[in-house]
């Protein structure tokens, strides 16, 4: 299989983690640590702790423009929200002008 180069990948959105704690960052980035502190019987009642901790292995790629090898990846925060809402994480619309 031949490796292909992608100049720019524009990918979905992350909601920015919904909740961002100043000087610490998005709560989602710390889900694995937080999950360990919550008793197992309670975890199913907190959906983001129950499953979403698996998808944040590369949270550093989740916001903004990043260079990964020779490729560029851009992911924005998006506009939407879900309970409990956003905290210190404003919605984002990105406009690219391609030349």
C-alpha atoms as a PDB file:
ATOM      1  CA  UNK A   1       0.000   0.000   0.000  1.00  0.00           C
ATOM      2  CA  UNK A   2       1.390   3.392  -0.991  1.00  0.00           C
ATOM      3  CA  UNK A   3       1.236   6.186   1.610  1.00  0.00           C
ATOM      4  CA  UNK A   4      -0.645   9.244   0.350  1.00  0.00           C
ATOM      5  CA  UNK A   5      -0.058  12.818   1.371  1.00  0.00           C
ATOM      6  CA  UNK A   6      -2.976  15.042   2.330  1.00  0.00           C
ATOM      7  CA  UNK A   7      -2.247  18.770   2.220  1.00  0.00           C
ATOM      8  CA  UNK A   8      -5.143  19.732   4.487  1.00  0.00           C
ATOM      9  CA  UNK A   9      -7.753  17.629   6.262  1.00  0.00           C
ATOM     10  CA  UNK A  10     -10.831  19.437   7.589  1.00  0.00           C
ATOM     11  CA  UNK A  11     -12.570  17.293  10.184  1.00  0.00           C
ATOM     12  CA  UNK A  12     -15.911  17.630  11.945  1.00  0.00           C
ATOM     13  CA  UNK A  13     -16.058  19.239  15.334  1.00  0.00           C
ATOM     14  CA  UNK A  14     -15.473  18.355  18.961  1.00  0.00           C
ATOM     15  CA  UNK A  15     -17.719  20.794  20.825  1.00  0.00           C
ATOM     16  CA  UNK A  16     -14.380  21.892  22.273  1.00  0.00           C
ATOM     17  CA  UNK A  17     -14.923  19.522  25.143  1.00  0.00           C
ATOM     18  CA  UNK A  18     -17.981  21.566  26.215  1.00  0.00           C
ATOM     19  CA  UNK A  19     -16.380  22.432  29.536  1.00  0.00           C
ATOM     20  CA  UNK A  20     -12.971  24.077  29.693  1.00  0.00           C
ATOM     21  CA  UNK A  21     -11.336  24.807  33.035  1.00  0.00           C
ATOM     22  CA  UNK A  22      -9.002  27.811  32.822  1.00  0.00           C
ATOM     23  CA  UNK A  23      -5.298  26.843  33.098  1.00  0.00           C
ATOM     24  CA  UNK A  24      -6.238  23.127  33.011  1.00  0.00           C
ATOM     25  CA  UNK A  25      -7.972  22.788  29.652  1.00  0.00           C
ATOM     26  CA  UNK A  26     -10.936  20.757  28.387  1.00  0.00           C
ATOM     27  CA  UNK A  27     -12.439  18.357  30.918  1.00  0.00           C
ATOM     28  CA  UNK A  28     -12.635  15.751  28.127  1.00  0.00           C
ATOM     29  CA  UNK A  29      -8.841  15.668  28.001  1.00  0.00           C
ATOM     30  CA  UNK A  30      -8.848  14.345  31.560  1.00  0.00           C
ATOM     31  CA  UNK A  31     -11.732  11.840  31.245  1.00  0.00           C
ATOM     32  CA  UNK A  32      -9.609   8.759  31.963  1.00  0.00           C
ATOM     33  CA  UNK A  33      -8.456  10.241  35.272  1.00  0.00           C
ATOM     34  CA  UNK A  34     -11.933  11.501  36.181  1.00  0.00           C
ATOM     35  CA  UNK A  35     -13.526   8.145  35.315  1.00  0.00           C
ATOM     36  CA  UNK A  36     -11.407   6.334  37.889  1.00  0.00           C
ATOM     37  CA  UNK A  37     -12.758   8.608  40.628  1.00  0.00           C
ATOM     38  CA  UNK A  38     -16.435   7.847  39.903  1.00  0.00           C
ATOM     39  CA  UNK A  39     -17.889   4.669  41.455  1.00  0.00           C
ATOM     40  CA  UNK A  40     -18.756   1.994  38.843  1.00  0.00           C
ATOM     41  CA  UNK A  41     -22.504   1.875  39.695  1.00  0.00           C
ATOM     42  CA  UNK A  42     -22.798   5.614  38.908  1.00  0.00           C
ATOM     43  CA  UNK A  43     -20.825   5.620  35.603  1.00  0.00           C
ATOM     44  CA  UNK A  44     -23.738   4.459  33.361  1.00  0.00           C
ATOM     45  CA  UNK A  45     -25.722   7.526  34.459  1.00  0.00           C
ATOM     46  CA  UNK A  46     -23.003   9.902  33.263  1.00  0.00           C
ATOM     47  CA  UNK A  47     -22.732   9.220  29.504  1.00  0.00           C
ATOM     48  CA  UNK A  48     -19.563  11.187  28.745  1.00  0.00           C
ATOM     49  CA  UNK A  49     -17.696   9.356  31.493  1.00  0.00           C
ATOM     50  CA  UNK A  50     -19.084   5.966  30.508  1.00  0.00           C
ATOM     51  CA  UNK A  51     -17.990   5.895  26.850  1.00  0.00           C
ATOM     52  CA  UNK A  52     -16.426   9.104  25.555  1.00  0.00           C
ATOM     53  CA  UNK A  53     -13.189   8.691  27.486  1.00  0.00           C
ATOM     54  CA  UNK A  54     -12.151   6.221  24.761  1.00  0.00           C
ATOM     55  CA  UNK A  55     -12.090   8.844  21.991  1.00  0.00           C
ATOM     56  CA  UNK A  56      -9.746  11.389  23.526  1.00  0.00           C
ATOM     57  CA  UNK A  57      -6.426   9.585  23.122  1.00  0.00           C
ATOM     58  CA  UNK A  58      -5.188  12.398  20.863  1.00  0.00           C
ATOM     59  CA  UNK A  59      -7.062  15.347  22.335  1.00  0.00           C
ATOM     60  CA  UNK A  60      -4.192  17.611  21.292  1.00  0.00           C
ATOM     61  CA  UNK A  61      -5.580  17.274  17.736  1.00  0.00           C
ATOM     62  CA  UNK A  62      -9.088  18.255  18.734  1.00  0.00           C
ATOM     63  CA  UNK A  63      -8.992  22.014  18.294  1.00  0.00           C
ATOM     64  CA  UNK A  64      -7.418  24.273  15.739  1.00  0.00           C
ATOM     65  CA  UNK A  65      -4.764  23.622  13.119  1.00  0.00           C
ATOM     66  CA  UNK A  66      -2.119  20.976  13.772  1.00  0.00           C
ATOM     67  CA  UNK A  67       0.746  19.600  11.735  1.00  0.00           C
ATOM     68  CA  UNK A  68       0.894  15.822  11.869  1.00  0.00           C
ATOM     69  CA  UNK A  69       3.881  14.581   9.920  1.00  0.00           C
ATOM     70  CA  UNK A  70       3.707  16.424   6.574  1.00  0.00           C
ATOM     71  CA  UNK A  71      -0.075  16.871   6.780  1.00  0.00           C
ATOM     72  CA  UNK A  72      -2.273  19.597   8.244  1.00  0.00           C
ATOM     73  CA  UNK A  73      -5.383  18.742  10.283  1.00  0.00           C
ATOM     74  CA  UNK A  74      -8.018  21.286  11.280  1.00  0.00           C
ATOM     75  CA  UNK A  75     -10.864  20.561  13.709  1.00  0.00           C
ATOM     76  CA  UNK A  76     -13.069  23.278  15.171  1.00  0.00           C
ATOM     77  CA  UNK A  77     -15.291  23.476  18.261  1.00  0.00           C
ATOM     78  CA  UNK A  78     -18.550  23.709  16.311  1.00  0.00           C
ATOM     79  CA  UNK A  79     -21.720  25.574  17.202  1.00  0.00           C
ATOM     80  CA  UNK A  80     -23.810  23.029  19.049  1.00  0.00           C
ATOM     81  CA  UNK A  81     -24.099  22.027  22.637  1.00  0.00           C
ATOM     82  CA  UNK A  82     -25.736  19.391  24.777  1.00  0.00           C
ATOM     83  CA  UNK A  83     -26.448  19.311  28.512  1.00  0.00           C
ATOM     84  CA  UNK A  84     -24.862  20.589  30.682  1.00  0.00           C
ATOM     85  CA  UNK A  85     -23.897  23.191  28.048  1.00  0.00           C
ATOM     86  CA  UNK A  86     -20.664  25.066  27.424  1.00  0.00           C
ATOM     87  CA  UNK A  87     -18.451  26.580  30.091  1.00  0.00           C
ATOM     88  CA  UNK A  88     -15.473  28.770  29.047  1.00  0.00           C
ATOM     89  CA  UNK A  89     -15.778  27.174  25.585  1.00  0.00           C
ATOM     90  CA  UNK A  90     -17.399  29.535  23.083  1.00  0.00           C
ATOM     91  CA  UNK A  91     -18.931  28.174  19.856  1.00  0.00           C
ATOM     92  CA  UNK A  92     -16.808  28.536  16.730  1.00  0.00           C
ATOM     93  CA  UNK A  93     -17.394  29.074  13.022  1.00  0.00           C
ATOM     94  CA  UNK A  94     -14.347  28.777  10.779  1.00  0.00           C
ATOM     95  CA  UNK A  95     -14.064  30.410   7.378  1.00  0.00           C
ATOM     96  CA  UNK A  96     -11.310  29.327   5.010  1.00  0.00           C
ATOM     97  CA  UNK A  97     -10.473  31.186   1.836  1.00  0.00           C
ATOM     98  CA  UNK A  98      -8.859  28.810  -0.654  1.00  0.00           C
ATOM     99  CA  UNK A  99      -6.569  30.401  -3.207  1.00  0.00           C
END
